[in-house]
């Protein structure tokens, strides 16, 4: 990754190549979005669909069997186990279990269950954690640079926590209801 970054940085940025300040490129981008909002939203929707796996194709999971020569001295010798793990990842990227949307669906169902059963499960926890996951992934509709599954990690973790909270019995006592220690 370090080598990849270094190689791309040597290429320079568009504003450097063209000799333009960033403000000019930013203004051109905003102008294009304003004049063609449908195309901008269609592109963002296409990237977001790929990001959450709402496609027939594989979910993009950045995996690489080797490590390029590097200045840090880090090396890796792939084994048969490495090949099996990478094959598993590639194969599962086509399945429902390899699609982030599946975990968002499970988390949403668990949230609905916890809201319905709010007196008997940890509803507040489920709502808070679900909100964290949703508020993390939803802005990616506008900002994600690529449809890389790793951008879903926190939100998927949140969905598992929501499922656990929906199964966890609610605390029966609260601090306000607890007996207060009085003078001895």
Protein backbone atom coordinates (compact mmCIF):
# COMPACT_ATOMS: atom_id res chain seq x y z
CA UNK A 1 0.00 0.00 0.00
CA UNK A 2 2.83 2.36 0.86
CA UNK A 3 4.44 1.72 -2.52
CA UNK A 4 1.13 2.27 -4.28
CA UNK A 5 0.68 5.59 -2.51
CA UNK A 6 4.20 6.71 -3.34
CA UNK A 7 3.73 5.83 -7.01
CA UNK A 8 0.49 7.78 -7.24
CA UNK A 9 1.89 10.77 -5.42
CA UNK A 10 4.70 10.96 -7.98
CA UNK A 11 2.11 11.30 -10.74
CA UNK A 12 0.93 14.54 -9.22
CA UNK A 13 -2.59 15.86 -8.87
CA UNK A 14 -4.77 17.30 -11.60
CA UNK A 15 -4.51 20.86 -10.32
CA UNK A 16 -0.71 20.52 -10.22
CA UNK A 17 -0.52 19.14 -13.76
CA UNK A 18 -2.82 21.83 -15.13
CA UNK A 19 -1.32 24.54 -12.95
CA UNK A 20 -4.74 25.30 -11.48
CA UNK A 21 -5.48 26.17 -7.87
CA UNK A 22 -7.80 23.81 -6.00
CA UNK A 23 -10.48 26.49 -5.80
CA UNK A 24 -10.85 26.51 -9.60
CA UNK A 25 -11.30 22.72 -9.72
CA UNK A 26 -13.73 22.84 -6.79
CA UNK A 27 -15.79 25.52 -8.54
CA UNK A 28 -15.81 23.44 -11.75
CA UNK A 29 -17.01 20.38 -9.82
CA UNK A 30 -19.79 22.29 -8.07
CA UNK A 31 -20.83 23.82 -11.40
CA UNK A 32 -21.03 20.38 -13.03
CA UNK A 33 -23.13 19.00 -10.14
CA UNK A 34 -25.48 21.99 -10.32
CA UNK A 35 -25.93 21.75 -14.08
CA UNK A 36 -26.32 17.94 -14.18
CA UNK A 37 -27.69 16.85 -10.77
CA UNK A 38 -29.42 13.75 -12.19
CA UNK A 39 -26.15 12.39 -13.58
CA UNK A 40 -24.34 13.16 -10.34
CA UNK A 41 -26.99 11.36 -8.26
CA UNK A 42 -27.09 8.44 -10.71
CA UNK A 43 -23.32 8.04 -10.37
CA UNK A 44 -23.44 8.29 -6.57
CA UNK A 45 -26.27 5.73 -6.47
CA UNK A 46 -24.30 3.33 -8.69
CA UNK A 47 -21.24 3.57 -6.43
CA UNK A 48 -23.33 3.21 -3.25
CA UNK A 49 -25.10 0.11 -4.64
CA UNK A 50 -21.70 -1.46 -5.24
CA UNK A 51 -20.55 -0.38 -1.79
CA UNK A 52 -23.39 -2.15 0.03
CA UNK A 53 -23.45 -5.10 -2.37
CA UNK A 54 -26.81 -4.47 -4.05
CA UNK A 55 -25.56 -6.10 -7.24
CA UNK A 56 -25.45 -9.52 -8.85
CA UNK A 57 -21.68 -9.39 -9.08
CA UNK A 58 -19.11 -9.81 -6.35
CA UNK A 59 -18.68 -7.42 -3.46
CA UNK A 60 -15.32 -5.73 -3.87
CA UNK A 61 -13.10 -7.00 -1.08
CA UNK A 62 -9.60 -5.69 -1.37
CA UNK A 63 -7.45 -8.78 -0.97
CA UNK A 64 -3.95 -9.30 -2.25
CA UNK A 65 -1.93 -12.45 -1.81
CA UNK A 66 1.51 -10.88 -1.82
CA UNK A 67 3.45 -7.97 -0.41
CA UNK A 68 5.42 -5.86 -2.86
CA UNK A 69 9.07 -5.15 -2.19
CA UNK A 70 9.18 -2.28 0.28
CA UNK A 71 11.53 -0.16 2.35
CA UNK A 72 10.08 -1.51 5.61
CA UNK A 73 11.42 -5.04 5.04
CA UNK A 74 7.96 -6.61 5.32
CA UNK A 75 7.62 -9.89 3.44
CA UNK A 76 5.04 -12.64 3.08
CA UNK A 77 5.32 -16.14 1.72
CA UNK A 78 1.87 -17.36 0.64
CA UNK A 79 0.93 -20.86 1.72
CA UNK A 80 -1.86 -23.27 0.80
CA UNK A 81 -3.84 -21.81 3.69
CA UNK A 82 -3.43 -18.34 2.17
CA UNK A 83 -4.81 -19.62 -1.14
CA UNK A 84 -7.76 -21.30 0.59
CA UNK A 85 -8.63 -18.16 2.57
CA UNK A 86 -8.44 -15.97 -0.54
CA UNK A 87 -10.56 -18.44 -2.52
CA UNK A 88 -13.13 -18.40 0.29
CA UNK A 89 -13.22 -14.60 0.32
CA UNK A 90 -13.62 -14.43 -3.47
CA UNK A 91 -16.35 -17.09 -3.52
CA UNK A 92 -18.30 -15.60 -0.63
CA UNK A 93 -18.22 -12.16 -2.26
CA UNK A 94 -20.92 -13.50 -4.62
CA UNK A 95 -23.11 -14.95 -1.86
CA UNK A 96 -25.66 -13.23 0.34
CA UNK A 97 -23.32 -13.61 3.33
CA UNK A 98 -20.72 -11.60 1.42
CA UNK A 99 -23.03 -8.65 0.89
CA UNK A 100 -23.17 -5.78 3.42
CA UNK A 101 -26.87 -5.10 2.69
CA UNK A 102 -27.69 -8.47 4.27
CA UNK A 103 -26.28 -7.36 7.62
CA UNK A 104 -28.07 -4.01 7.36
CA UNK A 105 -31.31 -5.90 6.79
CA UNK A 106 -30.69 -8.14 9.83
CA UNK A 107 -29.84 -5.10 11.96
CA UNK A 108 -32.97 -3.28 10.81
CA UNK A 109 -35.15 -6.29 11.63
CA UNK A 110 -33.47 -6.58 15.04
CA UNK A 111 -34.05 -2.86 15.65
CA UNK A 112 -37.74 -3.23 14.78
CA UNK A 113 -38.02 -6.20 17.15
CA UNK A 114 -36.32 -4.26 19.94
CA UNK A 115 -38.65 -1.29 19.45
CA UNK A 116 -41.71 -3.56 19.57
CA UNK A 117 -40.33 -5.33 22.65
CA UNK A 118 -38.82 -2.18 24.20
CA UNK A 119 -39.97 -3.06 27.71
CA UNK A 120 -38.28 -6.44 27.69
CA UNK A 121 -35.07 -5.86 25.67
CA UNK A 122 -32.29 -3.26 25.49
CA UNK A 123 -34.10 -0.95 23.08
CA UNK A 124 -32.16 2.22 23.90
CA UNK A 125 -28.88 0.42 23.26
CA UNK A 126 -30.18 -0.98 19.98
CA UNK A 127 -31.36 2.45 18.81
CA UNK A 128 -28.11 4.17 19.78
CA UNK A 129 -25.85 1.58 18.13
CA UNK A 130 -28.05 1.31 15.04
CA UNK A 131 -27.93 5.10 14.68
CA UNK A 132 -24.15 5.01 14.92
CA UNK A 133 -23.90 2.41 12.14
CA UNK A 134 -26.47 4.09 9.91
CA UNK A 135 -25.03 7.57 10.39
CA UNK A 136 -21.61 6.18 9.52
CA UNK A 137 -22.55 4.43 6.25
CA UNK A 138 -25.27 6.71 4.84
CA UNK A 139 -22.97 9.71 4.12
CA UNK A 140 -20.91 7.38 1.94
CA UNK A 141 -23.65 7.85 -0.64
CA UNK A 142 -22.04 11.25 -1.25
CA UNK A 143 -18.42 10.78 -0.20
CA UNK A 144 -17.18 7.25 -0.85
CA UNK A 145 -14.37 7.23 -3.40
CA UNK A 146 -14.87 3.56 -4.30
CA UNK A 147 -17.08 0.58 -3.58
CA UNK A 148 -14.69 -1.10 -1.16
CA UNK A 149 -16.28 -3.39 1.44
CA UNK A 150 -13.96 -2.15 4.18
CA UNK A 151 -15.93 1.11 4.33
CA UNK A 152 -18.84 -0.96 5.71
CA UNK A 153 -16.89 -2.45 8.61
CA UNK A 154 -18.08 -0.24 11.47
CA UNK A 155 -21.68 -0.28 10.31
CA UNK A 156 -21.72 -4.08 10.04
CA UNK A 157 -20.21 -4.37 13.53
CA UNK A 158 -23.00 -2.08 14.75
CA UNK A 159 -25.63 -4.34 13.17
CA UNK A 160 -24.26 -7.33 15.10
CA UNK A 161 -24.39 -5.30 18.32
CA UNK A 162 -28.00 -4.30 17.53
CA UNK A 163 -28.88 -7.98 17.09
CA UNK A 164 -27.27 -8.75 20.45
CA UNK A 165 -29.07 -5.82 22.12
CA UNK A 166 -32.40 -6.99 20.69
CA UNK A 167 -31.80 -10.37 22.34
CA UNK A 168 -30.52 -8.99 25.67
CA UNK A 169 -33.08 -8.58 28.45
CA UNK A 170 -33.63 -5.00 29.54
CA UNK A 171 -32.29 -3.89 32.89
CA UNK A 172 -35.11 -3.97 35.41
CA UNK A 173 -33.82 -1.30 37.74
CA UNK A 174 -32.54 2.16 36.96
CA UNK A 175 -30.37 4.45 38.98
CA UNK A 176 -33.39 6.59 39.86
CA UNK A 177 -35.22 3.53 41.22
CA UNK A 178 -32.25 2.18 43.17
CA UNK A 179 -32.39 2.57 46.90
CA UNK A 180 -30.13 5.37 48.04
CA UNK A 181 -27.86 4.82 50.93
CA UNK A 182 -29.02 6.82 53.87
CA UNK A 183 -27.33 7.90 57.06
CA UNK A 184 -26.21 5.00 59.13
